[in-house]
Amino acid sequence: MTLADLSEEQRAKLPALLAAFVARYGGDETDVQLFRAPGRVNLLGDHTDYTGGLVFPCAIDLGTLLLCRVTTNTNANPGTGTGTGTGTGTGTGTGTGTGTGTGNKPARIRLASMQFPETADVDASAAMPSLGDSWCNYVLGVFEAFRRRGHALPGIDCLYWGNLPNGAGLGSSASIEVLSAVAIDAIIGSRMQGPDIARLAQAAENDFVGMQCGIMDQFAVMMGERGHAIMLDCATLDYRAVPLLIADHRIVIANSNQRRELSHSAYNQRVRECARALALVAKRNDVSALGELRPEQLGELAEPFAEDPQAFNRLRHVVEENQRVREVAQAMASGNVKRVGEIMNASHASLASLYEVSSDALDALTRIAREQDGVAGSRLTGAGFGGCTVSLVREPDIDAFMHAVGTRYRQETELAADFFCIEAAAGASHVAIDTRRSSDTT
């Protein structure tokens, strides 16, 4: 990938990012490498990935950039490995580890962000420390996953920048994780395949961060294709790219700005509820995941749930949502925008009533959206509990849509929505840049 493949905003930001990198870490721009990763929006199939089901996301042209440089930076105290994180608020923390060596100064991994005040400075040869709720944990978890797989990590200076709204359900954490994994893979030459990078990034979030997410976010961020969505079987990782044949409609994301931190929400509770549902089903059926079930089986499955209707509601959503993914992929591939919108609306209703992950703000956004001219469908996207909605809006009506929905949403909720018209983008990659031009002229 080249600079021409970046978004206009990303290209415009790059000179300032290079200057900030040099100001923070010293030296010049020589040997600075650039990597990019998109965010993702899930068009259909929410809360099905961790049940071995089907999802229908696409990578988007909002995302994250990483500038990094392999270094020989060292620790002032030979033979020790200490990791620290600095900043303000809940993102502060420290961690310590024991390094190896009796006289060699271990290389350091240094992390900084243009968005967040927290930083990290850790021993590259030691186990990665956890830095509380800091954004750095998404990176350190990936580095630790490489280390546990037997890879030696170099000293590296990293500066991150992104334009994804944090905590809005657009894959901001997966973007950072996959971006970090792609960079380390390129730097150490491990030559991992894309699906394996997605698995490693998911493992980092599961094992290091503590969020029991499925693989959808990381897979979409890694394997996205421009102009396409991905129909992914999360049990097998079989997938196919589906062209987004939406005629004169555009994908419009609305951020409710009702924030939620997934690790402190009911997300992990839903994972446990689905595990409970699977245990009940497995008593009478030879299944290893809820994603294996079909809608026609729901009638015969109801009896074991007589005393646990909540678990049956979770099961019903998962099974019917998988069927909706099959149908929406077919409708999208044939350009049937009206049918795509109907399926999106049905998905939101299920997420709200059966899975109970919507909110008053998300319900208001989708309801108001559907009342506007040129809207085929609207639903919450991502985990819910706040975050974003996704709508299919006819292009000539987009400005009026944003104004009308934004105005009424503020009147009803006293919250201000942010709107993004997005394009389906390519997955994470290295970006070729020539930093010698800057250093040669100094």
Protein backbone atom coordinates (compact mmCIF):
# COMPACT_ATOMS: atom_id res chain seq x y z
CA MET A 1 0.00 0.00 0.00
CA THR A 2 1.18 3.54 -0.76
CA LEU A 3 0.31 7.00 0.54
CA ALA A 4 -2.23 7.33 -2.25
CA ASP A 5 -4.28 4.58 -0.59
CA LEU A 6 -4.67 6.53 2.66
CA SER A 7 -7.71 8.69 3.24
CA GLU A 8 -7.41 12.40 2.53
CA GLU A 9 -7.46 13.13 6.26
CA GLN A 10 -4.73 10.59 6.96
CA ARG A 11 -2.47 11.97 4.23
CA ALA A 12 -2.97 15.51 5.49
CA LYS A 13 -2.12 14.46 9.04
CA LEU A 14 1.09 12.57 8.20
CA PRO A 15 3.59 15.49 8.19
CA ALA A 16 2.43 16.58 11.65
CA LEU A 17 2.64 12.99 12.90
CA LEU A 18 6.20 12.61 11.63
CA ALA A 19 7.15 15.88 13.33
CA ALA A 20 5.51 14.74 16.57
CA PHE A 21 7.36 11.42 16.39
CA VAL A 22 10.73 13.15 16.03
CA ALA A 23 9.90 15.63 18.79
CA ARG A 24 9.05 12.82 21.19
CA TYR A 25 11.69 10.24 20.35
CA GLY A 26 14.52 12.28 18.83
CA GLY A 27 16.60 11.60 15.76
CA ASP A 28 15.03 12.34 12.40
CA GLU A 29 12.46 10.69 10.14
CA THR A 30 14.93 8.17 8.72
CA ASP A 31 13.79 4.58 9.25
CA VAL A 32 10.35 5.57 10.54
CA GLN A 33 7.81 3.05 9.25
CA LEU A 34 4.09 3.64 8.73
CA PHE A 35 1.28 1.13 9.21
CA ARG A 36 -2.49 1.61 8.98
CA ALA A 37 -5.54 -0.32 10.10
CA PRO A 38 -9.21 0.47 9.47
CA GLY A 39 -12.06 0.36 11.90
CA ARG A 40 -15.08 -1.75 11.13
CA VAL A 41 -18.83 -1.50 11.06
CA ASN A 42 -20.96 -4.59 11.37
CA LEU A 43 -23.79 -4.38 8.88
CA LEU A 44 -25.50 -7.43 10.36
CA GLY A 45 -24.81 -10.28 12.77
CA ASP A 46 -24.19 -8.85 16.23
CA HIS A 47 -23.50 -11.06 19.25
CA THR A 48 -23.12 -14.07 16.99
CA ASP A 49 -19.34 -14.19 16.66
CA TYR A 50 -18.63 -15.62 20.11
CA THR A 51 -21.34 -18.24 19.56
CA GLY A 52 -19.72 -19.67 16.45
CA GLY A 53 -22.16 -17.90 14.16
CA LEU A 54 -22.19 -15.70 11.07
CA VAL A 55 -21.34 -12.01 10.79
CA PHE A 56 -21.43 -9.46 7.98
CA PRO A 57 -18.99 -6.61 8.69
CA CYS A 58 -16.91 -4.35 6.49
CA ALA A 59 -13.71 -2.47 7.19
CA ILE A 60 -14.20 1.31 7.02
CA ASP A 61 -12.13 4.29 5.96
CA LEU A 62 -11.86 5.59 9.51
CA GLY A 63 -9.02 3.96 11.38
CA THR A 64 -5.63 4.13 13.07
CA LEU A 65 -2.10 4.97 11.96
CA LEU A 66 1.11 3.78 13.62
CA LEU A 67 4.50 5.39 13.14
CA CYS A 68 7.27 3.25 14.55
CA ARG A 69 11.04 2.84 14.49
CA VAL A 70 13.16 -0.08 15.62
CA THR A 71 15.65 1.27 18.14
CA THR A 72 18.61 0.50 20.32
CA ASN A 73 17.15 2.49 23.20
CA THR A 74 18.24 1.05 26.54
CA ASN A 75 17.37 0.97 30.19
CA ALA A 76 19.54 2.97 32.56
CA ASN A 77 19.92 -0.02 34.90
CA PRO A 78 21.67 -3.04 33.34
CA GLY A 79 20.01 -6.40 33.73
CA THR A 80 16.61 -5.20 34.95
CA GLY A 81 13.28 -4.96 33.24
CA THR A 82 10.75 -2.44 34.46
CA GLY A 83 7.59 -1.34 32.74
CA THR A 84 5.81 1.87 33.58
CA GLY A 85 2.74 3.60 32.32
CA THR A 86 2.15 7.28 32.91
CA GLY A 87 -0.80 9.57 32.41
CA THR A 88 -3.93 10.80 34.10
CA GLY A 89 -7.25 9.34 35.18
CA THR A 90 -7.96 5.63 35.03
CA GLY A 91 -5.30 5.07 32.41
CA THR A 92 -2.40 5.28 34.83
CA GLY A 93 -0.59 2.27 36.12
CA THR A 94 2.73 0.59 36.61
CA GLY A 95 4.00 -2.90 36.14
CA THR A 96 7.27 -4.59 36.91
CA GLY A 97 9.00 -7.58 35.48
CA THR A 98 12.37 -9.26 35.64
CA GLY A 99 14.66 -8.96 32.66
CA THR A 100 17.58 -11.18 31.72
CA GLY A 101 21.23 -10.44 31.31
CA THR A 102 24.11 -9.42 33.52
CA GLY A 103 25.40 -6.28 31.96
CA ASN A 104 23.42 -5.81 28.78
CA LYS A 105 20.90 -3.03 28.90
CA PRO A 106 17.56 -4.39 27.66
CA ALA A 107 15.86 -2.71 24.74
CA ARG A 108 12.77 -0.71 25.48
CA ILE A 109 9.29 -0.60 23.97
CA ARG A 110 7.92 2.92 24.16
CA LEU A 111 4.30 3.77 23.37
CA ALA A 112 2.55 7.10 22.93
CA SER A 113 -0.67 8.33 21.38
CA MET A 114 -1.81 11.59 19.86
CA GLN A 115 -5.25 11.06 21.47
CA PHE A 116 -4.50 9.77 24.96
CA PRO A 117 -2.14 11.11 27.65
CA GLU A 118 -1.03 7.69 28.88
CA THR A 119 2.35 6.41 27.73
CA ALA A 120 4.35 3.23 28.32
CA ASP A 121 8.05 2.40 28.56
CA VAL A 122 8.66 -1.32 29.07
CA ASP A 123 11.44 -3.88 28.79
CA ALA A 124 11.20 -5.61 25.41
CA SER A 125 12.69 -8.83 26.80
CA ALA A 126 10.36 -9.22 29.79
CA ALA A 127 6.72 -10.18 30.16
CA MET A 128 4.53 -7.23 29.22
CA PRO A 129 3.01 -5.53 32.27
CA SER A 130 -0.66 -4.66 32.53
CA LEU A 131 -1.24 -0.92 32.84
CA GLY A 132 -4.74 -0.89 34.27
CA ASP A 133 -7.35 0.62 31.97
CA SER A 134 -4.82 2.35 29.71
CA TRP A 135 -5.15 2.13 25.93
CA CYS A 136 -1.57 0.80 26.04
CA ASN A 137 -2.89 -2.59 27.16
CA TYR A 138 -4.28 -3.26 23.67
CA VAL A 139 -0.75 -2.92 22.30
CA LEU A 140 1.06 -4.65 25.15
CA GLY A 141 -1.35 -7.58 24.94
CA VAL A 142 -0.40 -8.09 21.29
CA PHE A 143 3.31 -7.83 22.05
CA GLU A 144 2.89 -10.34 24.88
CA ALA A 145 1.08 -12.71 22.52
CA PHE A 146 4.08 -12.62 20.18
CA ARG A 147 6.46 -13.13 23.10
CA ARG A 148 4.53 -16.16 24.35
CA ARG A 149 4.77 -17.65 20.88
CA GLY A 150 8.55 -17.58 21.18
CA HIS A 151 9.30 -14.40 19.24
CA ALA A 152 11.99 -12.04 20.53
CA LEU A 153 10.79 -8.44 20.48
CA PRO A 154 13.09 -5.58 19.47
CA GLY A 155 13.27 -2.17 21.03
CA ILE A 156 10.69 -0.05 19.26
CA ASP A 157 9.29 3.47 19.51
CA CYS A 158 5.61 3.79 18.60
CA LEU A 159 3.27 6.72 18.03
CA TYR A 160 -0.43 6.06 17.39
CA TRP A 161 -3.07 8.34 15.87
CA GLY A 162 -6.63 7.56 14.89
CA ASN A 163 -9.95 9.11 13.91
CA LEU A 164 -12.24 6.37 15.21
CA PRO A 165 -14.49 7.51 18.06
CA ASN A 166 -13.31 5.56 21.08
CA GLY A 167 -15.81 3.23 22.73
CA ALA A 168 -18.42 3.75 20.01
CA GLY A 169 -18.58 0.21 18.64
CA LEU A 170 -16.54 0.81 15.48
CA GLY A 171 -13.68 -1.52 16.34
CA SER A 172 -11.26 1.03 17.81
CA SER A 173 -9.60 -1.53 20.08
CA ALA A 174 -9.37 -4.14 17.32
CA SER A 175 -7.88 -1.51 15.02
CA ILE A 176 -5.08 -0.84 17.52
CA GLU A 177 -4.53 -4.55 18.16
CA VAL A 178 -4.39 -5.63 14.53
CA LEU A 179 -2.29 -2.60 13.61
CA SER A 180 0.25 -3.50 16.29
CA ALA A 181 0.31 -7.13 15.20
CA VAL A 182 0.83 -6.26 11.53
CA ALA A 183 3.71 -3.95 12.48
CA ILE A 184 5.48 -6.49 14.70
CA ASP A 185 4.93 -9.25 12.14
CA ALA A 186 6.61 -7.10 9.48
CA ILE A 187 9.45 -5.98 11.74
CA ILE A 188 10.43 -9.43 13.03
CA GLY A 189 9.65 -11.20 9.75
CA SER A 190 7.31 -13.82 11.18
CA ARG A 191 5.22 -13.79 7.97
CA MET A 192 1.92 -14.65 9.62
CA GLN A 193 -1.15 -15.16 7.47
CA GLY A 194 -3.98 -12.65 7.84
CA PRO A 195 -6.41 -14.95 9.69
CA ASP A 196 -3.63 -15.92 12.11
CA ILE A 197 -2.93 -12.26 12.86
CA ALA A 198 -6.64 -11.82 13.57
CA ARG A 199 -6.57 -14.79 15.95
CA LEU A 200 -3.52 -13.43 17.76
CA ALA A 201 -5.13 -10.01 18.16
CA GLN A 202 -8.33 -11.59 19.48
CA ALA A 203 -6.31 -13.67 21.96
CA ALA A 204 -4.64 -10.49 23.19
CA GLU A 205 -8.02 -8.92 23.96
CA ASN A 206 -9.36 -12.10 25.56
CA ASP A 207 -6.33 -13.03 27.64
CA PHE A 208 -4.59 -9.73 28.38
CA VAL A 209 -7.33 -7.09 28.30
CA GLY A 210 -10.00 -9.43 29.69
CA MET A 211 -12.76 -8.81 27.14
CA GLN A 212 -14.24 -12.11 25.95
CA CYS A 213 -14.96 -10.87 22.44
CA GLY A 214 -15.32 -13.05 19.39
CA ILE A 215 -13.11 -12.73 16.35
CA MET A 216 -15.32 -10.56 14.14
CA ASP A 217 -13.67 -7.20 14.83
CA GLN A 218 -10.11 -8.37 14.40
CA PHE A 219 -10.95 -10.42 11.30
CA ALA A 220 -12.76 -7.56 9.57
CA VAL A 221 -9.97 -5.10 10.38
CA MET A 222 -7.36 -7.50 9.02
CA MET A 223 -9.16 -9.02 6.04
CA GLY A 224 -11.37 -6.19 4.80
CA GLU A 225 -11.66 -5.50 1.07
CA ARG A 226 -12.43 -2.17 -0.55
CA GLY A 227 -16.06 -1.97 -1.70
CA HIS A 228 -17.00 -5.26 -0.05
CA ALA A 229 -18.43 -6.67 3.14
CA ILE A 230 -17.26 -9.99 4.55
CA MET A 231 -19.59 -12.88 5.31
CA LEU A 232 -17.64 -14.74 7.97
CA ASP A 233 -18.34 -18.04 9.69
CA CYS A 234 -16.78 -17.42 13.09
CA ALA A 235 -16.57 -21.14 13.90
CA THR A 236 -14.47 -22.10 10.88
CA LEU A 237 -13.18 -18.68 9.69
CA ASP A 238 -14.48 -19.54 6.24
CA TYR A 239 -15.39 -16.27 4.57
CA ARG A 240 -16.27 -14.65 1.31
CA ALA A 241 -16.24 -11.06 0.16
CA VAL A 242 -19.65 -9.73 -0.88
CA PRO A 243 -19.82 -6.61 -3.07
CA LEU A 244 -21.79 -3.77 -1.52
CA LEU A 245 -24.34 -3.30 -4.28
CA ILE A 246 -26.38 -0.57 -2.64
CA ALA A 247 -27.13 1.53 -5.74
CA ASP A 248 -27.39 5.21 -4.85
CA HIS A 249 -27.38 4.57 -1.10
CA ARG A 250 -24.52 5.19 1.31
CA ILE A 251 -23.60 3.71 4.67
CA VAL A 252 -24.12 6.36 7.35
CA ILE A 253 -22.94 5.78 10.90
CA ALA A 254 -24.43 7.78 13.75
CA ASN A 255 -22.52 7.88 17.02
CA SER A 256 -25.04 8.20 19.84
CA ASN A 257 -22.31 9.56 22.13
CA GLN A 258 -23.84 7.44 24.85
CA ARG A 259 -20.56 5.99 26.02
CA ARG A 260 -20.07 2.52 27.43
CA GLU A 261 -16.96 0.61 28.42
CA LEU A 262 -17.52 -2.97 27.32
CA SER A 263 -15.32 -4.51 29.99
CA HIS A 264 -17.57 -2.85 32.61
CA SER A 265 -20.83 -3.55 30.84
CA ALA A 266 -23.11 -6.55 30.38
CA TYR A 267 -21.11 -7.84 27.40
CA ASN A 268 -19.36 -10.61 29.30
CA GLN A 269 -22.69 -11.42 30.95
CA ARG A 270 -24.19 -12.10 27.52
CA VAL A 271 -21.30 -14.44 26.77
CA ARG A 272 -22.09 -16.37 29.95
CA GLU A 273 -25.81 -16.45 29.14
CA CYS A 274 -25.09 -17.97 25.74
CA ALA A 275 -22.84 -20.54 27.37
CA ARG A 276 -25.76 -21.40 29.66
CA ALA A 277 -28.07 -21.74 26.67
CA LEU A 278 -25.58 -24.00 24.90
CA ALA A 279 -25.34 -26.24 27.95
CA LEU A 280 -29.12 -26.70 27.95
CA VAL A 281 -29.23 -27.40 24.21
CA ALA A 282 -26.32 -29.83 24.37
CA LYS A 283 -28.16 -32.05 26.84
CA ARG A 284 -30.43 -33.21 24.01
CA ASN A 285 -28.55 -32.25 20.85
CA ASP A 286 -25.10 -32.97 19.51
CA VAL A 287 -23.96 -29.37 19.05
CA SER A 288 -20.77 -27.60 20.06
CA ALA A 289 -21.89 -24.02 19.31
CA LEU A 290 -25.19 -22.15 19.05
CA GLY A 291 -24.18 -21.09 15.56
CA GLU A 292 -24.82 -24.63 14.34
CA LEU A 293 -28.57 -24.35 14.96
CA ARG A 294 -31.22 -23.34 12.42
CA PRO A 295 -34.49 -21.42 12.97
CA GLU A 296 -36.63 -24.48 12.21
CA GLN A 297 -35.15 -26.16 15.29
CA LEU A 298 -36.32 -23.49 17.75
CA GLY A 299 -39.70 -25.12 18.39
CA GLU A 300 -38.21 -28.40 19.54
CA LEU A 301 -35.56 -26.59 21.59
CA ALA A 302 -38.01 -24.57 23.67
CA GLU A 303 -38.89 -27.24 26.26
CA PRO A 304 -35.57 -27.32 28.17
CA PHE A 305 -35.82 -23.54 28.59
CA ALA A 306 -39.21 -23.53 30.33
CA GLU A 307 -37.61 -22.32 33.56
CA ASP A 308 -35.05 -20.08 31.86
CA PRO A 309 -36.87 -17.90 29.31
CA GLN A 310 -34.06 -15.35 29.31
CA ALA A 311 -31.57 -17.92 28.04
CA PHE A 312 -34.07 -18.95 25.35
CA ASN A 313 -34.39 -15.35 24.21
CA ARG A 314 -30.61 -15.16 23.85
CA LEU A 315 -30.64 -18.43 21.90
CA ARG A 316 -33.46 -17.28 19.65
CA HIS A 317 -31.66 -14.05 18.77
CA VAL A 318 -28.45 -15.88 17.87
CA VAL A 319 -30.20 -18.47 15.70
CA GLU A 320 -32.43 -15.98 13.89
CA GLU A 321 -29.61 -13.44 13.49
CA ASN A 322 -27.50 -16.07 11.75
CA GLN A 323 -30.34 -16.62 9.29
CA ARG A 324 -30.60 -12.87 8.76
CA VAL A 325 -26.90 -12.78 7.84
CA ARG A 326 -27.48 -15.45 5.17
CA GLU A 327 -30.39 -13.47 3.80
CA VAL A 328 -28.70 -10.07 3.86
CA ALA A 329 -25.63 -11.37 2.04
CA GLN A 330 -27.88 -12.71 -0.71
CA ALA A 331 -29.90 -9.49 -0.88
CA MET A 332 -26.76 -7.34 -0.95
CA ALA A 333 -25.13 -9.39 -3.70
CA SER A 334 -28.25 -8.99 -5.84
CA GLY A 335 -28.58 -5.25 -5.15
CA ASN A 336 -31.92 -5.54 -3.33
CA VAL A 337 -31.49 -2.50 -1.08
CA LYS A 338 -35.11 -2.57 0.10
CA ARG A 339 -34.70 -6.11 1.43
CA VAL A 340 -31.35 -5.27 3.03
CA GLY A 341 -33.05 -2.46 4.93
CA GLU A 342 -35.89 -4.68 6.11
CA ILE A 343 -33.41 -7.21 7.47
CA MET A 344 -31.46 -4.47 9.25
CA ASN A 345 -34.64 -3.27 10.95
CA ALA A 346 -35.51 -6.81 12.06
CA SER A 347 -32.02 -7.25 13.48
CA HIS A 348 -32.36 -4.14 15.63
CA ALA A 349 -35.71 -5.30 16.97
CA SER A 350 -34.17 -8.62 18.00
CA LEU A 351 -31.15 -6.99 19.63
CA ALA A 352 -33.46 -4.70 21.57
CA SER A 353 -36.13 -7.16 22.71
CA LEU A 354 -34.51 -10.61 22.76
CA TYR A 355 -30.86 -9.79 23.47
CA GLU A 356 -31.52 -6.59 25.45
CA VAL A 357 -28.41 -4.72 24.36
CA SER A 358 -30.02 -1.60 22.93
CA SER A 359 -30.68 1.60 24.87
CA ASP A 360 -33.14 4.47 24.81
CA ALA A 361 -30.62 6.52 22.83
CA LEU A 362 -30.03 3.82 20.21
CA ASP A 363 -33.75 3.12 19.90
CA ALA A 364 -34.38 6.83 19.37
CA LEU A 365 -31.67 7.12 16.73
CA THR A 366 -32.93 4.18 14.70
CA ARG A 367 -36.60 5.17 15.02
CA ILE A 368 -35.96 8.74 13.93
CA ALA A 369 -33.70 7.54 11.11
CA ARG A 370 -36.37 5.25 9.65
CA GLU A 371 -38.84 8.14 9.53
CA GLN A 372 -36.63 10.10 7.11
CA ASP A 373 -36.86 10.12 3.33
CA GLY A 374 -34.42 7.87 1.51
CA VAL A 375 -33.67 5.52 4.43
CA ALA A 376 -33.79 1.81 3.63
CA GLY A 377 -33.02 0.59 7.15
CA SER A 378 -31.32 1.41 10.43
CA ARG A 379 -29.99 -0.66 13.33
CA LEU A 380 -27.58 -0.53 16.21
CA THR A 381 -24.16 -1.87 15.32
CA GLY A 382 -21.57 -3.50 17.52
CA ALA A 383 -22.12 -4.65 21.05
CA GLY A 384 -24.80 -2.13 21.92
CA PHE A 385 -25.26 -0.56 25.38
CA GLY A 386 -24.62 2.76 23.60
CA GLY A 387 -22.25 3.37 20.72
CA CYS A 388 -23.36 3.64 17.10
CA THR A 389 -26.12 2.92 14.64
CA VAL A 390 -25.72 2.14 10.95
CA SER A 391 -28.21 3.24 8.31
CA LEU A 392 -28.55 2.89 4.55
CA VAL A 393 -29.40 6.35 3.24
CA ARG A 394 -29.97 7.48 -0.33
CA GLU A 395 -27.10 9.80 -1.23
CA PRO A 396 -29.17 12.86 -2.25
CA ASP A 397 -30.94 12.73 1.13
CA ILE A 398 -27.86 12.45 3.37
CA ASP A 399 -27.51 16.12 4.34
CA ALA A 400 -31.21 16.40 5.19
CA PHE A 401 -31.00 13.08 7.05
CA MET A 402 -28.13 14.23 9.24
CA HIS A 403 -29.79 17.54 10.04
CA ALA A 404 -33.22 16.10 10.83
CA VAL A 405 -31.99 13.11 12.83
CA GLY A 406 -29.41 15.18 14.70
CA THR A 407 -31.97 17.83 15.63
CA ARG A 408 -34.69 15.47 16.84
CA TYR A 409 -32.21 13.19 18.61
CA ARG A 410 -30.89 16.12 20.63
CA GLN A 411 -34.44 17.21 21.46
CA GLU A 412 -35.40 13.74 22.69
CA THR A 413 -32.20 12.72 24.49
CA GLU A 414 -30.19 15.91 25.12
CA LEU A 415 -27.30 14.12 23.40
CA ALA A 416 -25.53 15.29 20.25
CA ALA A 417 -24.99 12.63 17.59
CA ASP A 418 -21.99 12.59 15.26
CA PHE A 419 -22.45 11.33 11.71
CA PHE A 420 -20.01 9.63 9.35
CA CYS A 421 -20.52 8.63 5.72
CA ILE A 422 -18.12 5.75 5.28
CA GLU A 423 -16.71 3.62 2.50
CA ALA A 424 -15.77 -0.04 2.74
CA ALA A 425 -11.98 -0.09 3.00
CA ALA A 426 -9.07 -2.50 2.69
CA GLY A 427 -7.64 -4.32 5.69
CA ALA A 428 -4.56 -3.46 7.75
CA SER A 429 -1.25 -3.05 5.97
CA HIS A 430 2.20 -1.53 5.82
CA VAL A 431 2.30 1.80 3.97
CA ALA A 432 5.35 2.60 1.90
CA ILE A 433 6.76 6.05 2.66
CA ASP A 434 10.09 7.66 1.81
CA THR A 435 11.25 9.45 4.96
CA ARG A 436 14.71 10.00 3.51
CA ARG A 437 13.45 13.06 1.66
CA SER A 438 12.94 14.94 4.91
CA SER A 439 16.19 13.87 6.58
CA ASP A 440 18.30 14.46 3.46
CA THR A 441 17.33 18.12 3.38
CA THR A 442 18.23 18.87 6.99
